């Protein structure tokens, strides 16, 4: 998915694989060249545009499910900072 924000001169590209995004950042050292149709070359900054910290509530979770199991399955979506039980 590509989103262009013309007034701010930004382009957002959503990648499916986070490892691929990090690989791009490492290989370009967070900067790359963009060649305009006029031939002019601009140096562009490449960075992760994260969505920040999110709070996730899971309803109707069985009480038998252990925190470690929940942590393991949610880790594919990002870093798990805290798990709180509610009643």
PDB file of N, CA and C in Angstrom:
ATOM      1  N   UNK A   1       0.845  -1.168   0.000  1.00  0.00           N
ATOM      2  CA  UNK A   1       0.000   0.000   0.000  1.00  0.00           C
ATOM      3  C   UNK A   1       0.892   1.233   0.000  1.00  0.00           C
ATOM      4  N   UNK A   2       0.543   2.214  -0.785  1.00  0.00           N
ATOM      5  CA  UNK A   2       1.296   3.466  -0.845  1.00  0.00           C
ATOM      6  C   UNK A   2       0.342   4.620  -0.548  1.00  0.00           C
ATOM      7  N   UNK A   3       0.772   5.538   0.306  1.00  0.00           N
ATOM      8  CA  UNK A   3      -0.001   6.725   0.632  1.00  0.00           C
ATOM      9  C   UNK A   3       0.897   7.931   0.412  1.00  0.00           C
ATOM     10  N   UNK A   4       0.404   8.909  -0.331  1.00  0.00           N
ATOM     11  CA  UNK A   4       1.193  10.108  -0.622  1.00  0.00           C
ATOM     12  C   UNK A   4       0.573  11.296   0.099  1.00  0.00           C
ATOM     13  N   UNK A   5       1.390  12.023   0.839  1.00  0.00           N
ATOM     14  CA  UNK A   5       0.982  13.246   1.517  1.00  0.00           C
ATOM     15  C   UNK A   5       1.735  14.382   0.843  1.00  0.00           C
ATOM     16  N   UNK A   6       1.154  14.922  -0.215  1.00  0.00           N
ATOM     17  CA  UNK A   6       1.798  15.953  -1.028  1.00  0.00           C
ATOM     18  C   UNK A   6       2.216  17.197  -0.271  1.00  0.00           C
ATOM     19  N   UNK A   7       1.308  17.812   0.523  1.00  0.00           N
ATOM     20  CA  UNK A   7       1.675  19.037   1.237  1.00  0.00           C
ATOM     21  C   UNK A   7       2.862  18.865   2.181  1.00  0.00           C
ATOM     22  N   UNK A   8       2.999  17.690   2.786  1.00  0.00           N
ATOM     23  CA  UNK A   8       4.111  17.440   3.700  1.00  0.00           C
ATOM     24  C   UNK A   8       5.300  16.807   2.992  1.00  0.00           C
ATOM     25  N   UNK A   9       5.147  16.535   1.708  1.00  0.00           N
ATOM     26  CA  UNK A   9       6.204  15.928   0.891  1.00  0.00           C
ATOM     27  C   UNK A   9       6.676  14.606   1.492  1.00  0.00           C
ATOM     28  N   UNK A  10       5.687  13.736   1.812  1.00  0.00           N
ATOM     29  CA  UNK A  10       5.979  12.436   2.396  1.00  0.00           C
ATOM     30  C   UNK A  10       5.268  11.342   1.608  1.00  0.00           C
ATOM     31  N   UNK A  11       5.903  10.195   1.551  1.00  0.00           N
ATOM     32  CA  UNK A  11       5.305   9.001   0.949  1.00  0.00           C
ATOM     33  C   UNK A  11       5.407   7.894   1.977  1.00  0.00           C
ATOM     34  N   UNK A  12       4.286   7.225   2.235  1.00  0.00           N
ATOM     35  CA  UNK A  12       4.255   6.109   3.173  1.00  0.00           C
ATOM     36  C   UNK A  12       4.044   4.828   2.383  1.00  0.00           C
ATOM     37  N   UNK A  13       4.875   3.839   2.643  1.00  0.00           N
ATOM     38  CA  UNK A  13       4.760   2.545   1.983  1.00  0.00           C
ATOM     39  C   UNK A  13       4.586   1.500   3.071  1.00  0.00           C
ATOM     40  N   UNK A  14       3.470   0.775   3.007  1.00  0.00           N
ATOM     41  CA  UNK A  14       3.216  -0.270   3.999  1.00  0.00           C
ATOM     42  C   UNK A  14       3.722  -1.593   3.452  1.00  0.00           C
ATOM     43  N   UNK A  15       4.633  -2.201   4.205  1.00  0.00           N
ATOM     44  CA  UNK A  15       5.195  -3.502   3.826  1.00  0.00           C
ATOM     45  C   UNK A  15       4.573  -4.588   4.687  1.00  0.00           C
ATOM     46  N   UNK A  16       4.388  -5.746   4.127  1.00  0.00           N
ATOM     47  CA  UNK A  16       3.804  -6.867   4.851  1.00  0.00           C
ATOM     48  C   UNK A  16       4.799  -7.470   5.834  1.00  0.00           C
ATOM     49  N   UNK A  17       6.063  -7.492   5.471  1.00  0.00           N
ATOM     50  CA  UNK A  17       7.086  -8.147   6.273  1.00  0.00           C
ATOM     51  C   UNK A  17       7.953  -7.100   6.975  1.00  0.00           C
ATOM     52  N   UNK A  18       7.869  -7.037   8.295  1.00  0.00           N
ATOM     53  CA  UNK A  18       8.638  -6.060   9.065  1.00  0.00           C
ATOM     54  C   UNK A  18      10.139  -6.292   8.911  1.00  0.00           C
ATOM     55  N   UNK A  19      10.549  -7.556   8.760  1.00  0.00           N
ATOM     56  CA  UNK A  19      11.981  -7.847   8.569  1.00  0.00           C
ATOM     57  C   UNK A  19      12.486  -7.209   7.280  1.00  0.00           C
ATOM     58  N   UNK A  20      11.659  -7.215   6.242  1.00  0.00           N
ATOM     59  CA  UNK A  20      12.050  -6.587   4.976  1.00  0.00           C
ATOM     60  C   UNK A  20      12.218  -5.080   5.164  1.00  0.00           C
ATOM     61  N   UNK A  21      11.330  -4.472   5.923  1.00  0.00           N
ATOM     62  CA  UNK A  21      11.435  -3.031   6.195  1.00  0.00           C
ATOM     63  C   UNK A  21      12.740  -2.719   6.928  1.00  0.00           C
ATOM     64  N   UNK A  22      13.075  -3.513   7.937  1.00  0.00           N
ATOM     65  CA  UNK A  22      14.321  -3.283   8.672  1.00  0.00           C
ATOM     66  C   UNK A  22      15.541  -3.527   7.787  1.00  0.00           C
ATOM     67  N   UNK A  23      15.447  -4.487   6.893  1.00  0.00           N
ATOM     68  CA  UNK A  23      16.536  -4.751   5.953  1.00  0.00           C
ATOM     69  C   UNK A  23      16.761  -3.537   5.043  1.00  0.00           C
ATOM     70  N   UNK A  24      15.685  -2.924   4.582  1.00  0.00           N
ATOM     71  CA  UNK A  24      15.796  -1.718   3.751  1.00  0.00           C
ATOM     72  C   UNK A  24      16.485  -0.603   4.535  1.00  0.00           C
ATOM     73  N   UNK A  25      16.091  -0.420   5.790  1.00  0.00           N
ATOM     74  CA  UNK A  25      16.694   0.625   6.620  1.00  0.00           C
ATOM     75  C   UNK A  25      18.187   0.384   6.824  1.00  0.00           C
ATOM     76  N   UNK A  26      18.566  -0.874   7.028  1.00  0.00           N
ATOM     77  CA  UNK A  26      19.982  -1.184   7.247  1.00  0.00           C
ATOM     78  C   UNK A  26      20.802  -1.007   5.972  1.00  0.00           C
ATOM     79  N   UNK A  27      20.290  -1.468   4.846  1.00  0.00           N
ATOM     80  CA  UNK A  27      21.068  -1.409   3.608  1.00  0.00           C
ATOM     81  C   UNK A  27      21.176   0.012   3.053  1.00  0.00           C
ATOM     82  N   UNK A  28      20.204   0.862   3.349  1.00  0.00           N
ATOM     83  CA  UNK A  28      20.256   2.241   2.850  1.00  0.00           C
ATOM     84  C   UNK A  28      20.844   3.203   3.875  1.00  0.00           C
ATOM     85  N   UNK A  29      21.074   2.716   5.096  1.00  0.00           N
ATOM     86  CA  UNK A  29      21.536   3.554   6.211  1.00  0.00           C
ATOM     87  C   UNK A  29      20.597   4.738   6.418  1.00  0.00           C
ATOM     88  N   UNK A  30      19.286   4.477   6.284  1.00  0.00           N
ATOM     89  CA  UNK A  30      18.206   5.445   6.517  1.00  0.00           C
ATOM     90  C   UNK A  30      18.158   6.592   5.503  1.00  0.00           C
ATOM     91  N   UNK A  31      18.932   6.504   4.434  1.00  0.00           N
ATOM     92  CA  UNK A  31      18.910   7.549   3.395  1.00  0.00           C
ATOM     93  C   UNK A  31      19.114   6.900   2.037  1.00  0.00           C
ATOM     94  N   UNK A  32      18.538   7.529   1.008  1.00  0.00           N
ATOM     95  CA  UNK A  32      18.735   7.039  -0.349  1.00  0.00           C
ATOM     96  C   UNK A  32      18.549   8.203  -1.315  1.00  0.00           C
ATOM     97  N   UNK A  33      18.855   7.966  -2.573  1.00  0.00           N
ATOM     98  CA  UNK A  33      18.712   8.997  -3.602  1.00  0.00           C
ATOM     99  C   UNK A  33      17.415   8.788  -4.374  1.00  0.00           C
ATOM    100  N   UNK A  34      16.759   9.894  -4.715  1.00  0.00           N
ATOM    101  CA  UNK A  34      15.599   9.856  -5.591  1.00  0.00           C
ATOM    102  C   UNK A  34      15.934  10.713  -6.797  1.00  0.00           C
ATOM    103  N   UNK A  35      15.809  10.132  -7.985  1.00  0.00           N
ATOM    104  CA  UNK A  35      16.124  10.865  -9.202  1.00  0.00           C
ATOM    105  C   UNK A  35      14.816  11.348  -9.828  1.00  0.00           C
ATOM    106  N   UNK A  36      14.671  12.665  -9.913  1.00  0.00           N
ATOM    107  CA  UNK A  36      13.488  13.283 -10.494  1.00  0.00           C
ATOM    108  C   UNK A  36      13.511  13.122 -12.014  1.00  0.00           C
ATOM    109  N   UNK A  37      12.351  13.297 -12.646  1.00  0.00           N
ATOM    110  CA  UNK A  37      12.272  13.180 -14.105  1.00  0.00           C
ATOM    111  C   UNK A  37      13.115  14.255 -14.796  1.00  0.00           C
ATOM    112  N   UNK A  38      13.395  15.351 -14.085  1.00  0.00           N
ATOM    113  CA  UNK A  38      14.224  16.421 -14.641  1.00  0.00           C
ATOM    114  C   UNK A  38      15.714  16.067 -14.590  1.00  0.00           C
ATOM    115  N   UNK A  39      16.043  14.978 -13.884  1.00  0.00           N
ATOM    116  CA  UNK A  39      17.441  14.596 -13.731  1.00  0.00           C
ATOM    117  C   UNK A  39      18.030  15.026 -12.400  1.00  0.00           C
ATOM    118  N   UNK A  40      17.339  15.925 -11.704  1.00  0.00           N
ATOM    119  CA  UNK A  40      17.808  16.372 -10.393  1.00  0.00           C
ATOM    120  C   UNK A  40      17.766  15.200  -9.406  1.00  0.00           C
ATOM    121  N   UNK A  41      18.756  15.137  -8.526  1.00  0.00           N
ATOM    122  CA  UNK A  41      18.834  14.067  -7.536  1.00  0.00           C
ATOM    123  C   UNK A  41      18.622  14.663  -6.147  1.00  0.00           C
ATOM    124  N   UNK A  42      17.709  14.059  -5.394  1.00  0.00           N
ATOM    125  CA  UNK A  42      17.447  14.483  -4.016  1.00  0.00           C
ATOM    126  C   UNK A  42      17.801  13.346  -3.072  1.00  0.00           C
ATOM    127  N   UNK A  43      18.355  13.690  -1.929  1.00  0.00           N
ATOM    128  CA  UNK A  43      18.596  12.709  -0.874  1.00  0.00           C
ATOM    129  C   UNK A  43      17.326  12.659  -0.033  1.00  0.00           C
ATOM    130  N   UNK A  44      16.787  11.449   0.147  1.00  0.00           N
ATOM    131  CA  UNK A  44      15.558  11.287   0.926  1.00  0.00           C
ATOM    132  C   UNK A  44      15.845  10.470   2.174  1.00  0.00           C
ATOM    133  N   UNK A  45      15.123  10.786   3.235  1.00  0.00           N
ATOM    134  CA  UNK A  45      15.258  10.070   4.504  1.00  0.00           C
ATOM    135  C   UNK A  45      14.255   8.919   4.507  1.00  0.00           C
ATOM    136  N   UNK A  46      14.692   7.765   4.973  1.00  0.00           N
ATOM    137  CA  UNK A  46      13.834   6.586   5.075  1.00  0.00           C
ATOM    138  C   UNK A  46      13.749   6.218   6.549  1.00  0.00           C
ATOM    139  N   UNK A  47      12.526   6.109   7.065  1.00  0.00           N
ATOM    140  CA  UNK A  47      12.364   5.773   8.475  1.00  0.00           C
ATOM    141  C   UNK A  47      11.063   5.018   8.688  1.00  0.00           C
ATOM    142  N   UNK A  48      10.966   4.371   9.826  1.00  0.00           N
ATOM    143  CA  UNK A  48       9.761   3.639  10.181  1.00  0.00           C
ATOM    144  C   UNK A  48       8.738   4.643  10.709  1.00  0.00           C
ATOM    145  N   UNK A  49       7.548   4.591  10.168  1.00  0.00           N
ATOM    146  CA  UNK A  49       6.461   5.457  10.631  1.00  0.00           C
ATOM    147  C   UNK A  49       5.519   4.606  11.463  1.00  0.00           C
ATOM    148  N   UNK A  50       5.946   4.296  12.672  1.00  0.00           N
ATOM    149  CA  UNK A  50       5.168   3.403  13.533  1.00  0.00           C
ATOM    150  C   UNK A  50       3.888   4.048  14.016  1.00  0.00           C
ATOM    151  N   UNK A  51       3.046   3.204  14.547  1.00  0.00           N
ATOM    152  CA  UNK A  51       1.756   3.667  15.044  1.00  0.00           C
ATOM    153  C   UNK A  51       1.779   3.903  16.547  1.00  0.00           C
ATOM    154  N   UNK A  52       2.937   3.782  17.163  1.00  0.00           N
ATOM    155  CA  UNK A  52       3.035   4.023  18.595  1.00  0.00           C
ATOM    156  C   UNK A  52       2.506   2.848  19.412  1.00  0.00           C
ATOM    157  N   UNK A  53       2.351   3.074  20.690  1.00  0.00           N
ATOM    158  CA  UNK A  53       1.888   2.027  21.598  1.00  0.00           C
ATOM    159  C   UNK A  53       0.382   1.875  21.482  1.00  0.00           C
ATOM    160  N   UNK A  54      -0.071   0.642  21.452  1.00  0.00           N
ATOM    161  CA  UNK A  54      -1.504   0.349  21.371  1.00  0.00           C
ATOM    162  C   UNK A  54      -1.910  -0.510  22.551  1.00  0.00           C
ATOM    163  N   UNK A  55      -3.086  -0.268  23.054  1.00  0.00           N
ATOM    164  CA  UNK A  55      -3.664  -1.091  24.116  1.00  0.00           C
ATOM    165  C   UNK A  55      -4.673  -2.014  23.447  1.00  0.00           C
ATOM    166  N   UNK A  56      -4.546  -3.311  23.734  1.00  0.00           N
ATOM    167  CA  UNK A  56      -5.422  -4.312  23.141  1.00  0.00           C
ATOM    168  C   UNK A  56      -6.188  -5.002  24.255  1.00  0.00           C
ATOM    169  N   UNK A  57      -7.509  -5.068  24.115  1.00  0.00           N
ATOM    170  CA  UNK A  57      -8.330  -5.785  25.085  1.00  0.00           C
ATOM    171  C   UNK A  57      -8.902  -7.009  24.395  1.00  0.00           C
ATOM    172  N   UNK A  58      -8.780  -8.146  25.047  1.00  0.00           N
ATOM    173  CA  UNK A  58      -9.287  -9.394  24.487  1.00  0.00           C
ATOM    174  C   UNK A  58     -10.456  -9.847  25.353  1.00  0.00           C
ATOM    175  N   UNK A  59     -11.637  -9.899  24.753  1.00  0.00           N
ATOM    176  CA  UNK A  59     -12.839 -10.295  25.492  1.00  0.00           C
ATOM    177  C   UNK A  59     -13.038 -11.802  25.436  1.00  0.00           C
ATOM    178  N   UNK A  60     -13.668 -12.333  26.460  1.00  0.00           N
ATOM    179  CA  UNK A  60     -14.061 -13.738  26.537  1.00  0.00           C
ATOM    180  C   UNK A  60     -12.883 -14.704  26.429  1.00  0.00           C
ATOM    181  N   UNK A  61     -11.741 -14.306  26.936  1.00  0.00           N
ATOM    182  CA  UNK A  61     -10.567 -15.180  26.934  1.00  0.00           C
ATOM    183  C   UNK A  61     -10.725 -16.204  28.055  1.00  0.00           C
ATOM    184  N   UNK A  62     -10.484 -17.455  27.743  1.00  0.00           N
ATOM    185  CA  UNK A  62     -10.623 -18.506  28.751  1.00  0.00           C
ATOM    186  C   UNK A  62      -9.623 -18.290  29.881  1.00  0.00           C
ATOM    187  N   UNK A  63     -10.040 -18.454  31.128  1.00  0.00           N
ATOM    188  CA  UNK A  63      -9.127 -18.242  32.254  1.00  0.00           C
ATOM    189  C   UNK A  63      -7.984 -19.249  32.300  1.00  0.00           C
ATOM    190  N   UNK A  64      -8.131 -20.376  31.598  1.00  0.00           N
ATOM    191  CA  UNK A  64      -7.084 -21.403  31.598  1.00  0.00           C
ATOM    192  C   UNK A  64      -5.885 -21.026  30.736  1.00  0.00           C
ATOM    193  N   UNK A  65      -6.031 -20.019  29.885  1.00  0.00           N
ATOM    194  CA  UNK A  65      -4.936 -19.635  28.994  1.00  0.00           C
ATOM    195  C   UNK A  65      -3.863 -18.917  29.811  1.00  0.00           C
ATOM    196  N   UNK A  66      -2.666 -19.437  29.753  1.00  0.00           N
ATOM    197  CA  UNK A  66      -1.558 -18.881  30.533  1.00  0.00           C
ATOM    198  C   UNK A  66      -1.000 -17.626  29.855  1.00  0.00           C
ATOM    199  N   UNK A  67      -0.439 -16.748  30.677  1.00  0.00           N
ATOM    200  CA  UNK A  67       0.120 -15.489  30.166  1.00  0.00           C
ATOM    201  C   UNK A  67       1.209 -15.744  29.131  1.00  0.00           C
ATOM    202  N   UNK A  68       2.056 -16.755  29.348  1.00  0.00           N
ATOM    203  CA  UNK A  68       3.135 -17.076  28.408  1.00  0.00           C
ATOM    204  C   UNK A  68       2.609 -17.452  27.035  1.00  0.00           C
ATOM    205  N   UNK A  69       1.514 -18.196  27.005  1.00  0.00           N
ATOM    206  CA  UNK A  69       0.896 -18.584  25.729  1.00  0.00           C
ATOM    207  C   UNK A  69       0.351 -17.358  25.011  1.00  0.00           C
ATOM    208  N   UNK A  70      -0.312 -16.509  25.753  1.00  0.00           N
ATOM    209  CA  UNK A  70      -0.860 -15.278  25.177  1.00  0.00           C
ATOM    210  C   UNK A  70       0.258 -14.387  24.647  1.00  0.00           C
ATOM    211  N   UNK A  71       1.306 -14.244  25.426  1.00  0.00           N
ATOM    212  CA  UNK A  71       2.461 -13.433  25.042  1.00  0.00           C
ATOM    213  C   UNK A  71       3.100 -13.969  23.756  1.00  0.00           C
ATOM    214  N   UNK A  72       3.240 -15.282  23.665  1.00  0.00           N
ATOM    215  CA  UNK A  72       3.862 -15.913  22.503  1.00  0.00           C
ATOM    216  C   UNK A  72       3.051 -15.637  21.228  1.00  0.00           C
ATOM    217  N   UNK A  73       1.738 -15.746  21.325  1.00  0.00           N
ATOM    218  CA  UNK A  73       0.901 -15.558  20.141  1.00  0.00           C
ATOM    219  C   UNK A  73       0.769 -14.085  19.741  1.00  0.00           C
ATOM    220  N   UNK A  74       0.785 -13.185  20.710  1.00  0.00           N
ATOM    221  CA  UNK A  74       0.674 -11.761  20.397  1.00  0.00           C
ATOM    222  C   UNK A  74       1.993 -11.154  19.934  1.00  0.00           C
ATOM    223  N   UNK A  75       3.114 -11.820  20.220  1.00  0.00           N
ATOM    224  CA  UNK A  75       4.437 -11.290  19.875  1.00  0.00           C
ATOM    225  C   UNK A  75       4.619 -11.106  18.373  1.00  0.00           C
ATOM    226  N   UNK A  76       3.872 -11.848  17.566  1.00  0.00           N
ATOM    227  CA  UNK A  76       3.994 -11.680  16.112  1.00  0.00           C
ATOM    228  C   UNK A  76       3.519 -10.300  15.651  1.00  0.00           C
ATOM    229  N   UNK A  77       2.768  -9.584  16.492  1.00  0.00           N
ATOM    230  CA  UNK A  77       2.264  -8.263  16.136  1.00  0.00           C
ATOM    231  C   UNK A  77       3.110  -7.131  16.694  1.00  0.00           C
ATOM    232  N   UNK A  78       4.085  -7.456  17.535  1.00  0.00           N
ATOM    233  CA  UNK A  78       4.952  -6.424  18.093  1.00  0.00           C
ATOM    234  C   UNK A  78       5.372  -6.771  19.508  1.00  0.00           C
ATOM    235  N   UNK A  79       6.062  -5.834  20.128  1.00  0.00           N
ATOM    236  CA  UNK A  79       6.574  -6.031  21.487  1.00  0.00           C
ATOM    237  C   UNK A  79       5.426  -5.969  22.491  1.00  0.00           C
ATOM    238  N   UNK A  80       5.367  -6.949  23.368  1.00  0.00           N
ATOM    239  CA  UNK A  80       4.361  -6.972  24.426  1.00  0.00           C
ATOM    240  C   UNK A  80       4.997  -6.367  25.669  1.00  0.00           C
ATOM    241  N   UNK A  81       4.483  -5.246  26.107  1.00  0.00           N
ATOM    242  CA  UNK A  81       5.079  -4.561  27.251  1.00  0.00           C
ATOM    243  C   UNK A  81       4.455  -4.972  28.576  1.00  0.00           C
ATOM    244  N   UNK A  82       3.167  -5.246  28.564  1.00  0.00           N
ATOM    245  CA  UNK A  82       2.496  -5.557  29.821  1.00  0.00           C
ATOM    246  C   UNK A  82       1.204  -6.308  29.534  1.00  0.00           C
ATOM    247  N   UNK A  83       0.858  -7.232  30.393  1.00  0.00           N
ATOM    248  CA  UNK A  83      -0.413  -7.937  30.325  1.00  0.00           C
ATOM    249  C   UNK A  83      -1.093  -7.746  31.683  1.00  0.00           C
ATOM    250  N   UNK A  84      -2.316  -7.246  31.665  1.00  0.00           N
ATOM    251  CA  UNK A  84      -3.063  -7.016  32.894  1.00  0.00           C
ATOM    252  C   UNK A  84      -4.343  -7.838  32.835  1.00  0.00           C
ATOM    253  N   UNK A  85      -4.635  -8.499  33.928  1.00  0.00           N
ATOM    254  CA  UNK A  85      -5.884  -9.253  34.012  1.00  0.00           C
ATOM    255  C   UNK A  85      -6.985  -8.332  34.525  1.00  0.00           C
ATOM    256  N   UNK A  86      -8.154  -8.478  33.944  1.00  0.00           N
ATOM    257  CA  UNK A  86      -9.334  -7.722  34.395  1.00  0.00           C
ATOM    258  C   UNK A  86     -10.449  -8.706  34.704  1.00  0.00           C
ATOM    259  N   UNK A  87     -11.315  -8.309  35.571  1.00  0.00           N
ATOM    260  CA  UNK A  87     -12.488  -9.148  35.895  1.00  0.00           C
ATOM    261  C   UNK A  87     -13.756  -8.387  35.581  1.00  0.00           C
TER     262      UNK A  87
END
